[in-house]
Amino acid sequence: HDIAILRTMGATRGAILRIFLMTGAAIGVVGTLAGVLLGVLICLNVERIRQFFSWLAGERLFNPELYFLSQLPARMDASETISVVLMALVLSFLATLFPAWRAARLDPVEALRYE
């Protein structure tokens, strides 16, 4: 409905396509950055988080006698992190292409006919 109104007000197919691509790319970038920051924060503090939950529960989580771990290991590889970030950005951009293409192809008359 909103896309049809934009089209009747003079927005071209290219303008609608750009709006959808920019919005989808912005959402993908913000989501990817938030995920990376949260993931790095958790990875760097995984042992402190385990200790906090052990304190909160009042018992040892991942008992070393049972799991053969004295602490939770966490190692972050920069190349893997960068490849995951790039893949997330590419996939989020690719996920915006089809809806943007469909929105740009929308016929305003058909969209507003049953409103």
PDB file of N, CA and C in Angstrom:
ATOM      1  N   HIS A   1       0.832  -1.185   0.000  1.00  0.00           N
ATOM      2  CA  HIS A   1       0.000   0.000   0.000  1.00  0.00           C
ATOM      3  C   HIS A   1       0.880   1.253   0.000  1.00  0.00           C
ATOM      4  N   ASP A   2       1.836   1.296   0.902  1.00  0.00           N
ATOM      5  CA  ASP A   2       2.712   2.464   0.998  1.00  0.00           C
ATOM      6  C   ASP A   2       3.589   2.609  -0.234  1.00  0.00           C
ATOM      7  N   ILE A   3       4.034   1.479  -0.766  1.00  0.00           N
ATOM      8  CA  ILE A   3       4.860   1.512  -1.970  1.00  0.00           C
ATOM      9  C   ILE A   3       4.050   2.052  -3.140  1.00  0.00           C
ATOM     10  N   ALA A   4       2.792   1.635  -3.235  1.00  0.00           N
ATOM     11  CA  ALA A   4       1.934   2.122  -4.310  1.00  0.00           C
ATOM     12  C   ALA A   4       1.724   3.625  -4.204  1.00  0.00           C
ATOM     13  N   ILE A   5       1.578   4.123  -3.000  1.00  0.00           N
ATOM     14  CA  ILE A   5       1.406   5.569  -2.814  1.00  0.00           C
ATOM     15  C   ILE A   5       2.669   6.311  -3.231  1.00  0.00           C
ATOM     16  N   LEU A   6       3.832   5.771  -2.864  1.00  0.00           N
ATOM     17  CA  LEU A   6       5.083   6.390  -3.302  1.00  0.00           C
ATOM     18  C   LEU A   6       5.187   6.413  -4.819  1.00  0.00           C
ATOM     19  N   ARG A   7       4.795   5.309  -5.449  1.00  0.00           N
ATOM     20  CA  ARG A   7       4.853   5.236  -6.917  1.00  0.00           C
ATOM     21  C   ARG A   7       3.898   6.251  -7.545  1.00  0.00           C
ATOM     22  N   THR A   8       2.692   6.402  -6.986  1.00  0.00           N
ATOM     23  CA  THR A   8       1.750   7.360  -7.562  1.00  0.00           C
ATOM     24  C   THR A   8       2.187   8.800  -7.323  1.00  0.00           C
ATOM     25  N   MET A   9       3.010   9.014  -6.319  1.00  0.00           N
ATOM     26  CA  MET A   9       3.527  10.360  -6.057  1.00  0.00           C
ATOM     27  C   MET A   9       4.744  10.674  -6.928  1.00  0.00           C
ATOM     28  N   GLY A  10       5.193   9.696  -7.717  1.00  0.00           N
ATOM     29  CA  GLY A  10       6.274   9.981  -8.662  1.00  0.00           C
ATOM     30  C   GLY A  10       7.568   9.240  -8.416  1.00  0.00           C
ATOM     31  N   ALA A  11       7.629   8.364  -7.421  1.00  0.00           N
ATOM     32  CA  ALA A  11       8.856   7.598  -7.177  1.00  0.00           C
ATOM     33  C   ALA A  11       9.038   6.584  -8.300  1.00  0.00           C
ATOM     34  N   THR A  12      10.232   6.514  -8.809  1.00  0.00           N
ATOM     35  CA  THR A  12      10.526   5.575  -9.892  1.00  0.00           C
ATOM     36  C   THR A  12      10.806   4.188  -9.315  1.00  0.00           C
ATOM     37  N   ARG A  13      10.848   3.205 -10.211  1.00  0.00           N
ATOM     38  CA  ARG A  13      11.187   1.842  -9.771  1.00  0.00           C
ATOM     39  C   ARG A  13      12.583   1.807  -9.157  1.00  0.00           C
ATOM     40  N   GLY A  14      13.492   2.548  -9.745  1.00  0.00           N
ATOM     41  CA  GLY A  14      14.854   2.607  -9.214  1.00  0.00           C
ATOM     42  C   GLY A  14      14.907   3.219  -7.817  1.00  0.00           C
ATOM     43  N   ALA A  15      14.089   4.227  -7.576  1.00  0.00           N
ATOM     44  CA  ALA A  15      14.055   4.864  -6.254  1.00  0.00           C
ATOM     45  C   ALA A  15      13.525   3.887  -5.207  1.00  0.00           C
ATOM     46  N   ILE A  16      12.472   3.140  -5.561  1.00  0.00           N
ATOM     47  CA  ILE A  16      11.927   2.150  -4.625  1.00  0.00           C
ATOM     48  C   ILE A  16      12.969   1.066  -4.351  1.00  0.00           C
ATOM     49  N   LEU A  17      13.650   0.637  -5.399  1.00  0.00           N
ATOM     50  CA  LEU A  17      14.699  -0.378  -5.248  1.00  0.00           C
ATOM     51  C   LEU A  17      15.806   0.129  -4.324  1.00  0.00           C
ATOM     52  N   ARG A  18      16.238   1.362  -4.518  1.00  0.00           N
ATOM     53  CA  ARG A  18      17.295   1.931  -3.666  1.00  0.00           C
ATOM     54  C   ARG A  18      16.844   2.062  -2.218  1.00  0.00           C
ATOM     55  N   ILE A  19      15.589   2.463  -2.008  1.00  0.00           N
ATOM     56  CA  ILE A  19      15.074   2.591  -0.636  1.00  0.00           C
ATOM     57  C   ILE A  19      15.131   1.247   0.073  1.00  0.00           C
ATOM     58  N   PHE A  20      14.656   0.202  -0.595  1.00  0.00           N
ATOM     59  CA  PHE A  20      14.666  -1.122   0.024  1.00  0.00           C
ATOM     60  C   PHE A  20      16.081  -1.635   0.236  1.00  0.00           C
ATOM     61  N   LEU A  21      16.966  -1.416  -0.733  1.00  0.00           N
ATOM     62  CA  LEU A  21      18.344  -1.889  -0.584  1.00  0.00           C
ATOM     63  C   LEU A  21      19.066  -1.152   0.536  1.00  0.00           C
ATOM     64  N   MET A  22      18.877   0.151   0.632  1.00  0.00           N
ATOM     65  CA  MET A  22      19.540   0.909   1.695  1.00  0.00           C
ATOM     66  C   MET A  22      19.009   0.522   3.067  1.00  0.00           C
ATOM     67  N   THR A  23      17.703   0.328   3.166  1.00  0.00           N
ATOM     68  CA  THR A  23      17.125  -0.065   4.450  1.00  0.00           C
ATOM     69  C   THR A  23      17.591  -1.450   4.860  1.00  0.00           C
ATOM     70  N   GLY A  24      17.550  -2.389   3.929  1.00  0.00           N
ATOM     71  CA  GLY A  24      17.997  -3.753   4.232  1.00  0.00           C
ATOM     72  C   GLY A  24      19.470  -3.809   4.576  1.00  0.00           C
ATOM     73  N   ALA A  25      20.286  -3.046   3.833  1.00  0.00           N
ATOM     74  CA  ALA A  25      21.721  -3.029   4.114  1.00  0.00           C
ATOM     75  C   ALA A  25      21.995  -2.400   5.482  1.00  0.00           C
ATOM     76  N   ALA A  26      21.267  -1.347   5.822  1.00  0.00           N
ATOM     77  CA  ALA A  26      21.466  -0.710   7.134  1.00  0.00           C
ATOM     78  C   ALA A  26      21.093  -1.666   8.262  1.00  0.00           C
ATOM     79  N   ILE A  27      19.971  -2.362   8.110  1.00  0.00           N
ATOM     80  CA  ILE A  27      19.580  -3.332   9.136  1.00  0.00           C
ATOM     81  C   ILE A  27      20.617  -4.439   9.247  1.00  0.00           C
ATOM     82  N   GLY A  28      21.126  -4.920   8.104  1.00  0.00           N
ATOM     83  CA  GLY A  28      22.141  -5.967   8.117  1.00  0.00           C
ATOM     84  C   GLY A  28      23.436  -5.525   8.778  1.00  0.00           C
ATOM     85  N   VAL A  29      23.865  -4.313   8.496  1.00  0.00           N
ATOM     86  CA  VAL A  29      25.113  -3.802   9.079  1.00  0.00           C
ATOM     87  C   VAL A  29      24.957  -3.610  10.590  1.00  0.00           C
ATOM     88  N   VAL A  30      23.859  -3.013  11.006  1.00  0.00           N
ATOM     89  CA  VAL A  30      23.644  -2.784  12.445  1.00  0.00           C
ATOM     90  C   VAL A  30      23.537  -4.128  13.182  1.00  0.00           C
ATOM     91  N   GLY A  31      22.795  -5.064  12.609  1.00  0.00           N
ATOM     92  CA  GLY A  31      22.665  -6.379  13.240  1.00  0.00           C
ATOM     93  C   GLY A  31      23.976  -7.128  13.301  1.00  0.00           C
ATOM     94  N   THR A  32      24.757  -7.048  12.234  1.00  0.00           N
ATOM     95  CA  THR A  32      26.056  -7.721  12.213  1.00  0.00           C
ATOM     96  C   THR A  32      27.005  -7.101  13.230  1.00  0.00           C
ATOM     97  N   LEU A  33      27.047  -5.785  13.289  1.00  0.00           N
ATOM     98  CA  LEU A  33      27.928  -5.123  14.265  1.00  0.00           C
ATOM     99  C   LEU A  33      27.515  -5.437  15.695  1.00  0.00           C
ATOM    100  N   ALA A  34      26.217  -5.438  15.951  1.00  0.00           N
ATOM    101  CA  ALA A  34      25.752  -5.775  17.297  1.00  0.00           C
ATOM    102  C   ALA A  34      26.113  -7.220  17.639  1.00  0.00           C
ATOM    103  N   GLY A  35      25.961  -8.120  16.691  1.00  0.00           N
ATOM    104  CA  GLY A  35      26.310  -9.516  16.922  1.00  0.00           C
ATOM    105  C   GLY A  35      27.798  -9.719  17.154  1.00  0.00           C
ATOM    106  N   VAL A  36      28.613  -9.021  16.394  1.00  0.00           N
ATOM    107  CA  VAL A  36      30.071  -9.134  16.560  1.00  0.00           C
ATOM    108  C   VAL A  36      30.486  -8.590  17.917  1.00  0.00           C
ATOM    109  N   LEU A  37      29.968  -7.430  18.284  1.00  0.00           N
ATOM    110  CA  LEU A  37      30.338  -6.850  19.578  1.00  0.00           C
ATOM    111  C   LEU A  37      29.911  -7.747  20.734  1.00  0.00           C
ATOM    112  N   LEU A  38      28.696  -8.267  20.659  1.00  0.00           N
ATOM    113  CA  LEU A  38      28.214  -9.156  21.713  1.00  0.00           C
ATOM    114  C   LEU A  38      29.017 -10.457  21.739  1.00  0.00           C
ATOM    115  N   GLY A  39      29.313 -11.010  20.578  1.00  0.00           N
ATOM    116  CA  GLY A  39      30.091 -12.243  20.511  1.00  0.00           C
ATOM    117  C   GLY A  39      31.507 -12.080  21.041  1.00  0.00           C
ATOM    118  N   VAL A  40      32.162 -10.991  20.678  1.00  0.00           N
ATOM    119  CA  VAL A  40      33.523 -10.732  21.164  1.00  0.00           C
ATOM    120  C   VAL A  40      33.505 -10.511  22.666  1.00  0.00           C
ATOM    121  N   LEU A  41      32.522  -9.776  23.148  1.00  0.00           N
ATOM    122  CA  LEU A  41      32.408  -9.526  24.584  1.00  0.00           C
ATOM    123  C   LEU A  41      32.231 -10.829  25.360  1.00  0.00           C
ATOM    124  N   ILE A  42      31.375 -11.694  24.856  1.00  0.00           N
ATOM    125  CA  ILE A  42      31.160 -12.983  25.532  1.00  0.00           C
ATOM    126  C   ILE A  42      32.397 -13.866  25.426  1.00  0.00           C
ATOM    127  N   CYS A  43      33.016 -13.891  24.254  1.00  0.00           N
ATOM    128  CA  CYS A  43      34.197 -14.743  24.074  1.00  0.00           C
ATOM    129  C   CYS A  43      35.345 -14.322  24.995  1.00  0.00           C
ATOM    130  N   LEU A  44      35.540 -13.039  25.142  1.00  0.00           N
ATOM    131  CA  LEU A  44      36.632 -12.560  25.987  1.00  0.00           C
ATOM    132  C   LEU A  44      36.343 -12.729  27.477  1.00  0.00           C
ATOM    133  N   ASN A  45      35.073 -12.890  27.849  1.00  0.00           N
ATOM    134  CA  ASN A  45      34.707 -12.983  29.261  1.00  0.00           C
ATOM    135  C   ASN A  45      33.977 -14.269  29.608  1.00  0.00           C
ATOM    136  N   VAL A  46      34.170 -15.326  28.844  1.00  0.00           N
ATOM    137  CA  VAL A  46      33.394 -16.544  29.044  1.00  0.00           C
ATOM    138  C   VAL A  46      33.672 -17.183  30.416  1.00  0.00           C
ATOM    139  N   GLU A  47      34.896 -17.112  30.886  1.00  0.00           N
ATOM    140  CA  GLU A  47      35.205 -17.699  32.194  1.00  0.00           C
ATOM    141  C   GLU A  47      34.571 -16.890  33.321  1.00  0.00           C
ATOM    142  N   ARG A  48      34.592 -15.577  33.197  1.00  0.00           N
ATOM    143  CA  ARG A  48      33.930 -14.742  34.211  1.00  0.00           C
ATOM    144  C   ARG A  48      32.422 -14.983  34.215  1.00  0.00           C
ATOM    145  N   ILE A  49      31.848 -15.176  33.048  1.00  0.00           N
ATOM    146  CA  ILE A  49      30.413 -15.460  32.952  1.00  0.00           C
ATOM    147  C   ILE A  49      30.106 -16.796  33.612  1.00  0.00           C
ATOM    148  N   ARG A  50      30.955 -17.809  33.374  1.00  0.00           N
ATOM    149  CA  ARG A  50      30.761 -19.117  34.005  1.00  0.00           C
ATOM    150  C   ARG A  50      30.859 -18.999  35.524  1.00  0.00           C
ATOM    151  N   GLN A  51      31.835 -18.233  36.003  1.00  0.00           N
ATOM    152  CA  GLN A  51      31.986 -18.055  37.439  1.00  0.00           C
ATOM    153  C   GLN A  51      30.778 -17.333  38.032  1.00  0.00           C
ATOM    154  N   PHE A  52      30.255 -16.346  37.328  1.00  0.00           N
ATOM    155  CA  PHE A  52      29.084 -15.628  37.807  1.00  0.00           C
ATOM    156  C   PHE A  52      27.886 -16.567  37.915  1.00  0.00           C
ATOM    157  N   PHE A  53      27.645 -17.375  36.898  1.00  0.00           N
ATOM    158  CA  PHE A  53      26.514 -18.293  36.949  1.00  0.00           C
ATOM    159  C   PHE A  53      26.725 -19.393  37.986  1.00  0.00           C
ATOM    160  N   SER A  54      27.972 -19.784  38.224  1.00  0.00           N
ATOM    161  CA  SER A  54      28.252 -20.731  39.300  1.00  0.00           C
ATOM    162  C   SER A  54      27.913 -20.107  40.652  1.00  0.00           C
ATOM    163  N   TRP A  55      28.299 -18.856  40.836  1.00  0.00           N
ATOM    164  CA  TRP A  55      27.980 -18.147  42.070  1.00  0.00           C
ATOM    165  C   TRP A  55      26.478 -17.977  42.220  1.00  0.00           C
ATOM    166  N   LEU A  56      25.798 -17.637  41.118  1.00  0.00           N
ATOM    167  CA  LEU A  56      24.364 -17.424  41.144  1.00  0.00           C
ATOM    168  C   LEU A  56      23.610 -18.708  41.470  1.00  0.00           C
ATOM    169  N   ALA A  57      24.062 -19.827  40.923  1.00  0.00           N
ATOM    170  CA  ALA A  57      23.394 -21.110  41.159  1.00  0.00           C
ATOM    171  C   ALA A  57      23.798 -21.726  42.495  1.00  0.00           C
ATOM    172  N   GLY A  58      24.930 -21.310  43.028  1.00  0.00           N
ATOM    173  CA  GLY A  58      25.382 -21.851  44.302  1.00  0.00           C
ATOM    174  C   GLY A  58      26.075 -23.196  44.175  1.00  0.00           C
ATOM    175  N   GLU A  59      26.405 -23.598  42.975  1.00  0.00           N
ATOM    176  CA  GLU A  59      27.144 -24.845  42.769  1.00  0.00           C
ATOM    177  C   GLU A  59      28.034 -24.687  41.553  1.00  0.00           C
ATOM    178  N   ARG A  60      28.993 -25.571  41.422  1.00  0.00           N
ATOM    179  CA  ARG A  60      29.950 -25.475  40.323  1.00  0.00           C
ATOM    180  C   ARG A  60      29.318 -25.933  39.017  1.00  0.00           C
ATOM    181  N   LEU A  61      29.389 -25.068  38.048  1.00  0.00           N
ATOM    182  CA  LEU A  61      28.980 -25.446  36.700  1.00  0.00           C
ATOM    183  C   LEU A  61      30.186 -26.049  35.991  1.00  0.00           C
ATOM    184  N   PHE A  62      29.969 -27.062  35.227  1.00  0.00           N
ATOM    185  CA  PHE A  62      31.036 -27.778  34.541  1.00  0.00           C
ATOM    186  C   PHE A  62      32.078 -28.281  35.542  1.00  0.00           C
ATOM    187  N   ASN A  63      31.634 -29.126  36.428  1.00  0.00           N
ATOM    188  CA  ASN A  63      32.489 -29.702  37.455  1.00  0.00           C
ATOM    189  C   ASN A  63      33.714 -30.337  36.799  1.00  0.00           C
ATOM    190  N   PRO A  64      34.942 -29.959  37.222  1.00  0.00           N
ATOM    191  CA  PRO A  64      36.152 -30.479  36.583  1.00  0.00           C
ATOM    192  C   PRO A  64      36.298 -31.999  36.714  1.00  0.00           C
ATOM    193  N   GLU A  65      35.723 -32.588  37.743  1.00  0.00           N
ATOM    194  CA  GLU A  65      35.811 -34.043  37.894  1.00  0.00           C
ATOM    195  C   GLU A  65      34.965 -34.757  36.841  1.00  0.00           C
ATOM    196  N   LEU A  66      33.925 -34.096  36.383  1.00  0.00           N
ATOM    197  CA  LEU A  66      33.020 -34.700  35.414  1.00  0.00           C
ATOM    198  C   LEU A  66      33.373 -34.322  33.980  1.00  0.00           C
ATOM    199  N   TYR A  67      33.734 -33.059  33.744  1.00  0.00           N
ATOM    200  CA  TYR A  67      33.981 -32.565  32.390  1.00  0.00           C
ATOM    201  C   TYR A  67      35.462 -32.435  32.052  1.00  0.00           C
ATOM    202  N   PHE A  68      36.349 -32.664  32.985  1.00  0.00           N
ATOM    203  CA  PHE A  68      37.795 -32.559  32.792  1.00  0.00           C
ATOM    204  C   PHE A  68      38.211 -31.169  32.316  1.00  0.00           C
ATOM    205  N   LEU A  69      37.512 -30.148  32.809  1.00  0.00           N
ATOM    206  CA  LEU A  69      37.828 -28.757  32.497  1.00  0.00           C
ATOM    207  C   LEU A  69      37.954 -27.982  33.806  1.00  0.00           C
ATOM    208  N   SER A  70      39.069 -27.296  33.978  1.00  0.00           N
ATOM    209  CA  SER A  70      39.182 -26.441  35.155  1.00  0.00           C
ATOM    210  C   SER A  70      38.606 -25.061  34.860  1.00  0.00           C
ATOM    211  N   GLN A  71      38.562 -24.703  33.585  1.00  0.00           N
ATOM    212  CA  GLN A  71      37.939 -23.456  33.150  1.00  0.00           C
ATOM    213  C   GLN A  71      37.451 -23.636  31.719  1.00  0.00           C
ATOM    214  N   LEU A  72      36.535 -22.773  31.303  1.00  0.00           N
ATOM    215  CA  LEU A  72      36.022 -22.858  29.934  1.00  0.00           C
ATOM    216  C   LEU A  72      37.030 -22.232  28.974  1.00  0.00           C
ATOM    217  N   PRO A  73      37.494 -22.992  28.013  1.00  0.00           N
ATOM    218  CA  PRO A  73      38.440 -22.407  27.051  1.00  0.00           C
ATOM    219  C   PRO A  73      37.713 -21.572  26.008  1.00  0.00           C
ATOM    220  N   ALA A  74      38.301 -20.459  25.652  1.00  0.00           N
ATOM    221  CA  ALA A  74      37.754 -19.617  24.588  1.00  0.00           C
ATOM    222  C   ALA A  74      38.916 -18.945  23.879  1.00  0.00           C
ATOM    223  N   ARG A  75      38.970 -19.169  22.590  1.00  0.00           N
ATOM    224  CA  ARG A  75      40.021 -18.552  21.777  1.00  0.00           C
ATOM    225  C   ARG A  75      39.351 -17.962  20.544  1.00  0.00           C
ATOM    226  N   MET A  76      39.617 -16.710  20.300  1.00  0.00           N
ATOM    227  CA  MET A  76      39.008 -16.033  19.168  1.00  0.00           C
ATOM    228  C   MET A  76      40.039 -15.884  18.062  1.00  0.00           C
ATOM    229  N   ASP A  77      39.694 -16.362  16.874  1.00  0.00           N
ATOM    230  CA  ASP A  77      40.578 -16.266  15.718  1.00  0.00           C
ATOM    231  C   ASP A  77      40.114 -15.099  14.852  1.00  0.00           C
ATOM    232  N   ALA A  78      40.996 -14.168  14.590  1.00  0.00           N
ATOM    233  CA  ALA A  78      40.626 -12.955  13.850  1.00  0.00           C
ATOM    234  C   ALA A  78      40.176 -13.273  12.428  1.00  0.00           C
ATOM    235  N   SER A  79      40.836 -14.209  11.763  1.00  0.00           N
ATOM    236  CA  SER A  79      40.451 -14.508  10.385  1.00  0.00           C
ATOM    237  C   SER A  79      39.066 -15.154  10.320  1.00  0.00           C
ATOM    238  N   GLU A  80      38.754 -16.027  11.277  1.00  0.00           N
ATOM    239  CA  GLU A  80      37.419 -16.623  11.314  1.00  0.00           C
ATOM    240  C   GLU A  80      36.357 -15.573  11.625  1.00  0.00           C
ATOM    241  N   THR A  81      36.662 -14.684  12.543  1.00  0.00           N
ATOM    242  CA  THR A  81      35.719 -13.630  12.901  1.00  0.00           C
ATOM    243  C   THR A  81      35.439 -12.726  11.707  1.00  0.00           C
ATOM    244  N   ILE A  82      36.487 -12.354  11.002  1.00  0.00           N
ATOM    245  CA  ILE A  82      36.319 -11.492   9.832  1.00  0.00           C
ATOM    246  C   ILE A  82      35.528 -12.212   8.740  1.00  0.00           C
ATOM    247  N   SER A  83      35.809 -13.498   8.529  1.00  0.00           N
ATOM    248  CA  SER A  83      35.069 -14.227   7.489  1.00  0.00           C
ATOM    249  C   SER A  83      33.591 -14.368   7.856  1.00  0.00           C
ATOM    250  N   VAL A  84      33.287 -14.569   9.133  1.00  0.00           N
ATOM    251  CA  VAL A  84      31.884 -14.653   9.560  1.00  0.00           C
ATOM    252  C   VAL A  84      31.193 -13.299   9.385  1.00  0.00           C
ATOM    253  N   VAL A  85      31.873 -12.216   9.720  1.00  0.00           N
ATOM    254  CA  VAL A  85      31.296 -10.882   9.552  1.00  0.00           C
ATOM    255  C   VAL A  85      31.023 -10.607   8.076  1.00  0.00           C
ATOM    256  N   LEU A  86      31.985 -10.909   7.217  1.00  0.00           N
ATOM    257  CA  LEU A  86      31.791 -10.686   5.785  1.00  0.00           C
ATOM    258  C   LEU A  86      30.654 -11.538   5.240  1.00  0.00           C
ATOM    259  N   MET A  87      30.577 -12.791   5.669  1.00  0.00           N
ATOM    260  CA  MET A  87      29.499 -13.663   5.204  1.00  0.00           C
ATOM    261  C   MET A  87      28.146 -13.141   5.676  1.00  0.00           C
ATOM    262  N   ALA A  88      28.066 -12.662   6.900  1.00  0.00           N
ATOM    263  CA  ALA A  88      26.805 -12.111   7.415  1.00  0.00           C
ATOM    264  C   ALA A  88      26.393 -10.875   6.628  1.00  0.00           C
ATOM    265  N   LEU A  89      27.344 -10.020   6.300  1.00  0.00           N
ATOM    266  CA  LEU A  89      27.020  -8.825   5.520  1.00  0.00           C
ATOM    267  C   LEU A  89      26.562  -9.186   4.109  1.00  0.00           C
ATOM    268  N   VAL A  90      27.245 -10.126   3.474  1.00  0.00           N
ATOM    269  CA  VAL A  90      26.860 -10.550   2.121  1.00  0.00           C
ATOM    270  C   VAL A  90      25.478 -11.185   2.138  1.00  0.00           C
ATOM    271  N   LEU A  91      25.229 -12.069   3.108  1.00  0.00           N
ATOM    272  CA  LEU A  91      23.920 -12.724   3.176  1.00  0.00           C
ATOM    273  C   LEU A  91      22.792 -11.744   3.479  1.00  0.00           C
ATOM    274  N   SER A  92      23.051 -10.774   4.337  1.00  0.00           N
ATOM    275  CA  SER A  92      21.999  -9.793   4.630  1.00  0.00           C
ATOM    276  C   SER A  92      21.725  -8.920   3.406  1.00  0.00           C
ATOM    277  N   PHE A  93      22.754  -8.618   2.639  1.00  0.00           N
ATOM    278  CA  PHE A  93      22.532  -7.856   1.410  1.00  0.00           C
ATOM    279  C   PHE A  93      21.767  -8.697   0.388  1.00  0.00           C
ATOM    280  N   LEU A  94      22.147  -9.955   0.237  1.00  0.00           N
ATOM    281  CA  LEU A  94      21.446 -10.827  -0.704  1.00  0.00           C
ATOM    282  C   LEU A  94      19.994 -11.040  -0.300  1.00  0.00           C
ATOM    283  N   ALA A  95      19.736 -11.053   1.002  1.00  0.00           N
ATOM    284  CA  ALA A  95      18.365 -11.241   1.484  1.00  0.00           C
ATOM    285  C   ALA A  95      17.486 -10.030   1.192  1.00  0.00           C
ATOM    286  N   THR A  96      18.079  -8.877   0.936  1.00  0.00           N
ATOM    287  CA  THR A  96      17.287  -7.695   0.613  1.00  0.00           C
ATOM    288  C   THR A  96      16.980  -7.586  -0.876  1.00  0.00           C
ATOM    289  N   LEU A  97      17.701  -8.311  -1.705  1.00  0.00           N
ATOM    290  CA  LEU A  97      17.537  -8.157  -3.147  1.00  0.00           C
ATOM    291  C   LEU A  97      16.148  -8.561  -3.634  1.00  0.00           C
ATOM    292  N   PHE A  98      15.660  -9.725  -3.236  1.00  0.00           N
ATOM    293  CA  PHE A  98      14.374 -10.187  -3.737  1.00  0.00           C
ATOM    294  C   PHE A  98      13.211  -9.298  -3.293  1.00  0.00           C
ATOM    295  N   PRO A  99      13.094  -8.945  -1.997  1.00  0.00           N
ATOM    296  CA  PRO A  99      12.002  -8.032  -1.618  1.00  0.00           C
ATOM    297  C   PRO A  99      12.110  -6.667  -2.300  1.00  0.00           C
ATOM    298  N   ALA A 100      13.335  -6.174  -2.479  1.00  0.00           N
ATOM    299  CA  ALA A 100      13.505  -4.886  -3.154  1.00  0.00           C
ATOM    300  C   ALA A 100      13.065  -4.983  -4.608  1.00  0.00           C
ATOM    301  N   TRP A 101      13.420  -6.052  -5.261  1.00  0.00           N
ATOM    302  CA  TRP A 101      13.039  -6.263  -6.650  1.00  0.00           C
ATOM    303  C   TRP A 101      11.523  -6.387  -6.790  1.00  0.00           C
ATOM    304  N   ARG A 102      10.894  -7.133  -5.870  1.00  0.00           N
ATOM    305  CA  ARG A 102       9.429  -7.280  -5.896  1.00  0.00           C
ATOM    306  C   ARG A 102       8.734  -5.945  -5.637  1.00  0.00           C
ATOM    307  N   ALA A 103       9.254  -5.169  -4.705  1.00  0.00           N
ATOM    308  CA  ALA A 103       8.651  -3.866  -4.405  1.00  0.00           C
ATOM    309  C   ALA A 103       8.788  -2.920  -5.588  1.00  0.00           C
ATOM    310  N   ALA A 104       9.927  -2.967  -6.272  1.00  0.00           N
ATOM    311  CA  ALA A 104      10.133  -2.092  -7.420  1.00  0.00           C
ATOM    312  C   ALA A 104       9.217  -2.469  -8.578  1.00  0.00           C
ATOM    313  N   ARG A 105       8.869  -3.742  -8.700  1.00  0.00           N
ATOM    314  CA  ARG A 105       8.000  -4.211  -9.786  1.00  0.00           C
ATOM    315  C   ARG A 105       6.519  -3.989  -9.504  1.00  0.00           C
ATOM    316  N   LEU A 106       6.174  -3.600  -8.292  1.00  0.00           N
ATOM    317  CA  LEU A 106       4.777  -3.475  -7.886  1.00  0.00           C
ATOM    318  C   LEU A 106       4.036  -2.460  -8.755  1.00  0.00           C
ATOM    319  N   ASP A 107       2.879  -2.867  -9.252  1.00  0.00           N
ATOM    320  CA  ASP A 107       2.029  -1.975 -10.033  1.00  0.00           C
ATOM    321  C   ASP A 107       1.130  -1.211  -9.057  1.00  0.00           C
ATOM    322  N   PRO A 108       1.219   0.123  -9.030  1.00  0.00           N
ATOM    323  CA  PRO A 108       0.440   0.884  -8.054  1.00  0.00           C
ATOM    324  C   PRO A 108      -1.066   0.712  -8.221  1.00  0.00           C
ATOM    325  N   VAL A 109      -1.528   0.516  -9.431  1.00  0.00           N
ATOM    326  CA  VAL A 109      -2.959   0.359  -9.660  1.00  0.00           C
ATOM    327  C   VAL A 109      -3.454  -0.932  -9.010  1.00  0.00           C
ATOM    328  N   GLU A 110      -2.710  -2.004  -9.196  1.00  0.00           N
ATOM    329  CA  GLU A 110      -3.097  -3.304  -8.602  1.00  0.00           C
ATOM    330  C   GLU A 110      -3.033  -3.240  -7.075  1.00  0.00           C
ATOM    331  N   ALA A 111      -2.031  -2.566  -6.542  1.00  0.00           N
ATOM    332  CA  ALA A 111      -1.868  -2.497  -5.093  1.00  0.00           C
ATOM    333  C   ALA A 111      -2.980  -1.683  -4.437  1.00  0.00           C
ATOM    334  N   LEU A 112      -3.442  -0.654  -5.111  1.00  0.00           N
ATOM    335  CA  LEU A 112      -4.471   0.211  -4.526  1.00  0.00           C
ATOM    336  C   LEU A 112      -5.885  -0.179  -4.905  1.00  0.00           C
ATOM    337  N   ARG A 113      -6.042  -1.123  -5.798  1.00  0.00           N
ATOM    338  CA  ARG A 113      -7.363  -1.502  -6.285  1.00  0.00           C
ATOM    339  C   ARG A 113      -8.288  -1.996  -5.177  1.00  0.00           C
ATOM    340  N   TYR A 114      -7.795  -2.799  -4.269  1.00  0.00           N
ATOM    341  CA  TYR A 114      -8.654  -3.408  -3.249  1.00  0.00           C
ATOM    342  C   TYR A 114      -8.547  -2.723  -1.884  1.00  0.00           C
ATOM    343  N   GLU A 115      -8.039  -1.522  -1.859  1.00  0.00           N
ATOM    344  CA  GLU A 115      -7.923  -0.772  -0.599  1.00  0.00           C
ATOM    345  C   GLU A 115      -9.215  -0.056  -0.283  1.00  0.00           C
TER     346      GLU A 115
END
